[in-house]
Amino acid sequence: MEELASMAQVSKSLISKVENSRTIPSLPVLLRLAQGLQTSLSELAGGIDELDDSEYILVRKNERQLQEREEAIGFIYHSLVTRNLNNYLFISSILTLGKDARRKPISSDGYEFLFILKGSFEFSLGEEKILLNEGDTFFFDGRIPHVPKNIGDGQAEFLVVYLIEQSSEAG
């Protein structure tokens, strides 16, 4: 990651955010990343054409795709829908946290919406700790470092929706 960041003239943090769908890089940064990875821009952005203008998207429960995300223990993301909406990228996932799930606080370049499906969480947002229980909803600025902690006895899960502005000057 350090080598790619150096070649693309960006921070390692930006590489991580791009890799984990927490920001959208500018076109010049995307081109430098493709060069650093010795691939074409079309290969790097493969699948982006699937975000078309169809009237609806249907993802059946058995069609959800497992997403690999930031370095974390016990964080399991299943992708639901990703869609371009004018100047925003809409990304939705189901996040399951094991009892001992942990990671460092992260941030994203957009807003986040959570709906607690199962369990209880202590959600750290900046310096604040917020208790979230099954049925609760939570909306916040994802640029504030944050991390959920499962405080229940078993697995816990929530719907997470990211709304990331595409015109951001990431990089």
C-alpha atoms as a PDB file:
ATOM      1  CA  MET A   1       0.000   0.000   0.000  1.00  0.00           C
ATOM      2  CA  GLU A   2       2.875   2.371   0.839  1.00  0.00           C
ATOM      3  CA  GLU A   3       4.514   1.724  -2.519  1.00  0.00           C
ATOM      4  CA  LEU A   4       1.294   2.417  -4.423  1.00  0.00           C
ATOM      5  CA  ALA A   5       0.661   5.577  -2.396  1.00  0.00           C
ATOM      6  CA  SER A   6       4.155   6.787  -3.221  1.00  0.00           C
ATOM      7  CA  MET A   7       3.782   6.024  -6.950  1.00  0.00           C
ATOM      8  CA  ALA A   8       0.363   7.717  -7.112  1.00  0.00           C
ATOM      9  CA  GLN A   9       1.571  10.664  -4.988  1.00  0.00           C
ATOM     10  CA  VAL A  10      -1.220  10.262  -2.438  1.00  0.00           C
ATOM     11  CA  SER A  11      -1.434   9.260   1.205  1.00  0.00           C
ATOM     12  CA  LYS A  12      -1.751   5.673   2.395  1.00  0.00           C
ATOM     13  CA  SER A  13      -4.936   6.808   4.154  1.00  0.00           C
ATOM     14  CA  LEU A  14      -6.479   7.854   0.824  1.00  0.00           C
ATOM     15  CA  ILE A  15      -5.597   4.478  -0.726  1.00  0.00           C
ATOM     16  CA  SER A  16      -7.363   2.742   2.168  1.00  0.00           C
ATOM     17  CA  LYS A  17     -10.461   4.955   1.834  1.00  0.00           C
ATOM     18  CA  VAL A  18     -10.691   4.287  -1.920  1.00  0.00           C
ATOM     19  CA  GLU A  19     -10.159   0.551  -1.423  1.00  0.00           C
ATOM     20  CA  ASN A  20     -12.921   0.416   1.196  1.00  0.00           C
ATOM     21  CA  SER A  21     -15.467   2.542  -0.716  1.00  0.00           C
ATOM     22  CA  ARG A  22     -15.188   5.404   1.768  1.00  0.00           C
ATOM     23  CA  THR A  23     -14.210   8.034  -0.794  1.00  0.00           C
ATOM     24  CA  ILE A  24     -14.204   8.594  -4.535  1.00  0.00           C
ATOM     25  CA  PRO A  25     -10.862   9.721  -5.983  1.00  0.00           C
ATOM     26  CA  SER A  26     -10.525  12.521  -8.504  1.00  0.00           C
ATOM     27  CA  LEU A  27      -9.809  11.468 -12.101  1.00  0.00           C
ATOM     28  CA  PRO A  28      -6.105  12.420 -11.920  1.00  0.00           C
ATOM     29  CA  VAL A  29      -5.690  10.304  -8.770  1.00  0.00           C
ATOM     30  CA  LEU A  30      -7.562   7.407 -10.381  1.00  0.00           C
ATOM     31  CA  LEU A  31      -5.236   7.581 -13.399  1.00  0.00           C
ATOM     32  CA  ARG A  32      -2.130   7.576 -11.169  1.00  0.00           C
ATOM     33  CA  LEU A  33      -3.521   4.598  -9.221  1.00  0.00           C
ATOM     34  CA  ALA A  34      -4.082   2.671 -12.471  1.00  0.00           C
ATOM     35  CA  GLN A  35      -0.511   3.444 -13.563  1.00  0.00           C
ATOM     36  CA  GLY A  36       0.849   2.396 -10.168  1.00  0.00           C
ATOM     37  CA  LEU A  37      -1.061  -0.879 -10.374  1.00  0.00           C
ATOM     38  CA  GLN A  38       0.121  -1.368 -13.972  1.00  0.00           C
ATOM     39  CA  THR A  39      -3.430  -1.700 -15.247  1.00  0.00           C
ATOM     40  CA  SER A  40      -5.806   0.253 -17.428  1.00  0.00           C
ATOM     41  CA  LEU A  41      -8.351   2.720 -16.111  1.00  0.00           C
ATOM     42  CA  SER A  42     -11.159   0.586 -17.572  1.00  0.00           C
ATOM     43  CA  GLU A  43      -9.884  -2.491 -15.704  1.00  0.00           C
ATOM     44  CA  LEU A  44      -9.552  -0.539 -12.462  1.00  0.00           C
ATOM     45  CA  ALA A  45     -13.070   0.899 -12.794  1.00  0.00           C
ATOM     46  CA  GLY A  46     -14.566  -2.405 -14.004  1.00  0.00           C
ATOM     47  CA  GLY A  47     -18.201  -2.851 -13.070  1.00  0.00           C
ATOM     48  CA  ILE A  48     -18.909   0.863 -12.912  1.00  0.00           C
ATOM     49  CA  ASP A  49     -21.047   0.488 -16.033  1.00  0.00           C
ATOM     50  CA  GLU A  50     -23.404  -1.695 -13.992  1.00  0.00           C
ATOM     51  CA  LEU A  51     -24.528   1.483 -12.243  1.00  0.00           C
ATOM     52  CA  ASP A  52     -26.899   2.407 -15.060  1.00  0.00           C
ATOM     53  CA  ASP A  53     -30.208   4.254 -15.160  1.00  0.00           C
ATOM     54  CA  SER A  54     -32.512   1.240 -14.853  1.00  0.00           C
ATOM     55  CA  GLU A  55     -35.748   1.887 -12.992  1.00  0.00           C
ATOM     56  CA  TYR A  56     -34.966  -0.496 -10.150  1.00  0.00           C
ATOM     57  CA  ILE A  57     -32.421  -2.882  -8.732  1.00  0.00           C
ATOM     58  CA  LEU A  58     -33.455  -6.141  -7.069  1.00  0.00           C
ATOM     59  CA  VAL A  59     -30.975  -8.131  -4.988  1.00  0.00           C
ATOM     60  CA  ARG A  60     -32.319 -11.370  -3.566  1.00  0.00           C
ATOM     61  CA  LYS A  61     -31.087 -12.506  -0.157  1.00  0.00           C
ATOM     62  CA  ASN A  62     -29.091 -15.355  -1.707  1.00  0.00           C
ATOM     63  CA  GLU A  63     -27.483 -12.943  -4.211  1.00  0.00           C
ATOM     64  CA  ARG A  64     -25.762 -10.698  -1.666  1.00  0.00           C
ATOM     65  CA  GLN A  65     -22.027 -10.427  -2.236  1.00  0.00           C
ATOM     66  CA  LEU A  66     -19.491 -10.626   0.590  1.00  0.00           C
ATOM     67  CA  GLN A  67     -17.337  -7.475   0.599  1.00  0.00           C
ATOM     68  CA  GLU A  68     -13.787  -7.368   1.827  1.00  0.00           C
ATOM     69  CA  ARG A  69     -13.224  -4.107   3.671  1.00  0.00           C
ATOM     70  CA  GLU A  70     -10.727  -2.445   5.984  1.00  0.00           C
ATOM     71  CA  GLU A  71      -8.543  -4.460   8.294  1.00  0.00           C
ATOM     72  CA  ALA A  72     -10.929  -5.533  11.018  1.00  0.00           C
ATOM     73  CA  ILE A  73     -11.627  -8.615  13.076  1.00  0.00           C
ATOM     74  CA  GLY A  74     -15.212  -9.885  13.081  1.00  0.00           C
ATOM     75  CA  PHE A  75     -16.642  -7.271  10.646  1.00  0.00           C
ATOM     76  CA  ILE A  76     -18.573  -9.008   7.832  1.00  0.00           C
ATOM     77  CA  TYR A  77     -20.076  -6.825   5.082  1.00  0.00           C
ATOM     78  CA  HIS A  78     -22.646  -8.085   2.566  1.00  0.00           C
ATOM     79  CA  SER A  79     -23.242  -5.700  -0.306  1.00  0.00           C
ATOM     80  CA  LEU A  80     -26.853  -4.814  -1.102  1.00  0.00           C
ATOM     81  CA  VAL A  81     -27.049  -1.981  -3.653  1.00  0.00           C
ATOM     82  CA  THR A  82     -24.521   0.455  -5.074  1.00  0.00           C
ATOM     83  CA  ARG A  83     -25.931   3.164  -7.298  1.00  0.00           C
ATOM     84  CA  ASN A  84     -24.931   6.488  -8.859  1.00  0.00           C
ATOM     85  CA  LEU A  85     -27.428   9.183  -7.900  1.00  0.00           C
ATOM     86  CA  ASN A  86     -26.554  12.410  -9.733  1.00  0.00           C
ATOM     87  CA  ASN A  87     -23.582  13.749  -7.747  1.00  0.00           C
ATOM     88  CA  TYR A  88     -23.679  11.047  -5.080  1.00  0.00           C
ATOM     89  CA  LEU A  89     -22.737   7.420  -4.765  1.00  0.00           C
ATOM     90  CA  PHE A  90     -25.239   5.385  -2.726  1.00  0.00           C
ATOM     91  CA  ILE A  91     -23.734   2.261  -1.132  1.00  0.00           C
ATOM     92  CA  SER A  92     -25.715  -0.064   1.129  1.00  0.00           C
ATOM     93  CA  SER A  93     -24.588  -3.130   3.048  1.00  0.00           C
ATOM     94  CA  ILE A  94     -25.541  -5.382   5.910  1.00  0.00           C
ATOM     95  CA  LEU A  95     -22.766  -5.358   8.497  1.00  0.00           C
ATOM     96  CA  THR A  96     -22.549  -8.273  10.916  1.00  0.00           C
ATOM     97  CA  LEU A  97     -20.329  -7.935  13.966  1.00  0.00           C
ATOM     98  CA  GLY A  98     -19.117 -10.918  15.907  1.00  0.00           C
ATOM     99  CA  LYS A  99     -19.012 -10.759  19.716  1.00  0.00           C
ATOM    100  CA  ASP A 100     -15.316  -9.856  19.742  1.00  0.00           C
ATOM    101  CA  ALA A 101     -15.305  -7.715  16.577  1.00  0.00           C
ATOM    102  CA  ARG A 102     -12.832  -4.870  16.615  1.00  0.00           C
ATOM    103  CA  ARG A 103     -11.090  -2.315  14.429  1.00  0.00           C
ATOM    104  CA  LYS A 104      -9.666   1.153  14.691  1.00  0.00           C
ATOM    105  CA  PRO A 105     -11.996   4.129  14.164  1.00  0.00           C
ATOM    106  CA  ILE A 106     -12.342   5.061  10.483  1.00  0.00           C
ATOM    107  CA  SER A 107     -13.918   7.881   8.502  1.00  0.00           C
ATOM    108  CA  SER A 108     -15.608   8.195   5.106  1.00  0.00           C
ATOM    109  CA  ASP A 109     -16.116  11.159   2.789  1.00  0.00           C
ATOM    110  CA  GLY A 110     -19.878  11.292   3.099  1.00  0.00           C
ATOM    111  CA  TYR A 111     -22.881  10.688   5.293  1.00  0.00           C
ATOM    112  CA  GLU A 112     -23.843   7.386   6.897  1.00  0.00           C
ATOM    113  CA  PHE A 113     -27.198   5.980   7.954  1.00  0.00           C
ATOM    114  CA  LEU A 114     -27.517   2.970  10.266  1.00  0.00           C
ATOM    115  CA  PHE A 115     -30.556   0.857  11.115  1.00  0.00           C
ATOM    116  CA  ILE A 116     -29.945  -1.669  13.887  1.00  0.00           C
ATOM    117  CA  LEU A 117     -31.393  -5.037  12.820  1.00  0.00           C
ATOM    118  CA  LYS A 118     -30.194  -7.206  15.690  1.00  0.00           C
ATOM    119  CA  GLY A 119     -28.264  -6.700  18.909  1.00  0.00           C
ATOM    120  CA  SER A 120     -26.803  -3.738  20.778  1.00  0.00           C
ATOM    121  CA  PHE A 121     -23.854  -1.497  19.963  1.00  0.00           C
ATOM    122  CA  GLU A 122     -21.757   1.090  21.659  1.00  0.00           C
ATOM    123  CA  PHE A 123     -21.030   3.463  18.797  1.00  0.00           C
ATOM    124  CA  SER A 124     -18.008   5.740  19.157  1.00  0.00           C
ATOM    125  CA  LEU A 125     -18.383   8.934  17.126  1.00  0.00           C
ATOM    126  CA  GLY A 126     -15.418  11.182  17.744  1.00  0.00           C
ATOM    127  CA  GLU A 127     -15.154  11.396  21.528  1.00  0.00           C
ATOM    128  CA  GLU A 128     -18.831  10.549  22.108  1.00  0.00           C
ATOM    129  CA  LYS A 129     -20.167   7.048  22.888  1.00  0.00           C
ATOM    130  CA  ILE A 130     -23.759   6.341  21.839  1.00  0.00           C
ATOM    131  CA  LEU A 131     -25.782   3.254  22.802  1.00  0.00           C
ATOM    132  CA  LEU A 132     -27.724   1.789  19.840  1.00  0.00           C
ATOM    133  CA  ASN A 133     -30.252  -1.036  20.180  1.00  0.00           C
ATOM    134  CA  GLU A 134     -32.335  -3.160  17.826  1.00  0.00           C
ATOM    135  CA  GLY A 135     -34.763  -0.933  15.897  1.00  0.00           C
ATOM    136  CA  ASP A 136     -32.768   2.285  16.400  1.00  0.00           C
ATOM    137  CA  THR A 137     -31.725   4.488  13.474  1.00  0.00           C
ATOM    138  CA  PHE A 138     -28.655   6.700  13.413  1.00  0.00           C
ATOM    139  CA  PHE A 139     -27.510   9.274  10.814  1.00  0.00           C
ATOM    140  CA  PHE A 140     -24.154  11.067  11.020  1.00  0.00           C
ATOM    141  CA  ASP A 141     -21.323  12.769   9.168  1.00  0.00           C
ATOM    142  CA  GLY A 142     -18.954   9.941   8.230  1.00  0.00           C
ATOM    143  CA  ARG A 143     -15.961  12.295   8.223  1.00  0.00           C
ATOM    144  CA  ILE A 144     -15.987  12.050  12.027  1.00  0.00           C
ATOM    145  CA  PRO A 145     -13.874   9.024  13.071  1.00  0.00           C
ATOM    146  CA  HIS A 146     -16.219   6.254  14.189  1.00  0.00           C
ATOM    147  CA  VAL A 147     -16.408   2.604  15.145  1.00  0.00           C
ATOM    148  CA  PRO A 148     -19.194   0.303  16.403  1.00  0.00           C
ATOM    149  CA  LYS A 149     -18.590  -2.142  19.245  1.00  0.00           C
ATOM    150  CA  ASN A 150     -20.878  -5.137  19.726  1.00  0.00           C
ATOM    151  CA  ILE A 151     -21.888  -5.163  23.393  1.00  0.00           C
ATOM    152  CA  GLY A 152     -24.381  -8.039  23.181  1.00  0.00           C
ATOM    153  CA  ASP A 153     -23.868 -11.739  23.852  1.00  0.00           C
ATOM    154  CA  GLY A 154     -23.926 -12.917  20.220  1.00  0.00           C
ATOM    155  CA  GLN A 155     -23.658 -11.608  16.681  1.00  0.00           C
ATOM    156  CA  ALA A 156     -25.199  -8.235  15.957  1.00  0.00           C
ATOM    157  CA  GLU A 157     -26.062  -6.662  12.626  1.00  0.00           C
ATOM    158  CA  PHE A 158     -27.164  -3.423  11.076  1.00  0.00           C
ATOM    159  CA  LEU A 159     -27.982  -1.895   7.734  1.00  0.00           C
ATOM    160  CA  VAL A 160     -25.405   0.722   6.768  1.00  0.00           C
ATOM    161  CA  VAL A 161     -25.976   3.225   3.959  1.00  0.00           C
ATOM    162  CA  TYR A 162     -23.262   5.546   2.675  1.00  0.00           C
ATOM    163  CA  LEU A 163     -24.017   8.663   0.650  1.00  0.00           C
ATOM    164  CA  ILE A 164     -20.711   9.889  -0.782  1.00  0.00           C
ATOM    165  CA  GLU A 165     -20.459  13.091  -2.807  1.00  0.00           C
ATOM    166  CA  GLN A 166     -18.740  12.277  -6.111  1.00  0.00           C
ATOM    167  CA  SER A 167     -17.494  15.780  -6.690  1.00  0.00           C
ATOM    168  CA  SER A 168     -15.233  15.534  -3.650  1.00  0.00           C
ATOM    169  CA  GLU A 169     -11.623  16.391  -4.387  1.00  0.00           C
ATOM    170  CA  ALA A 170     -10.230  13.218  -2.842  1.00  0.00           C
ATOM    171  CA  GLY A 171      -6.569  13.389  -3.678  1.00  0.00           C
END
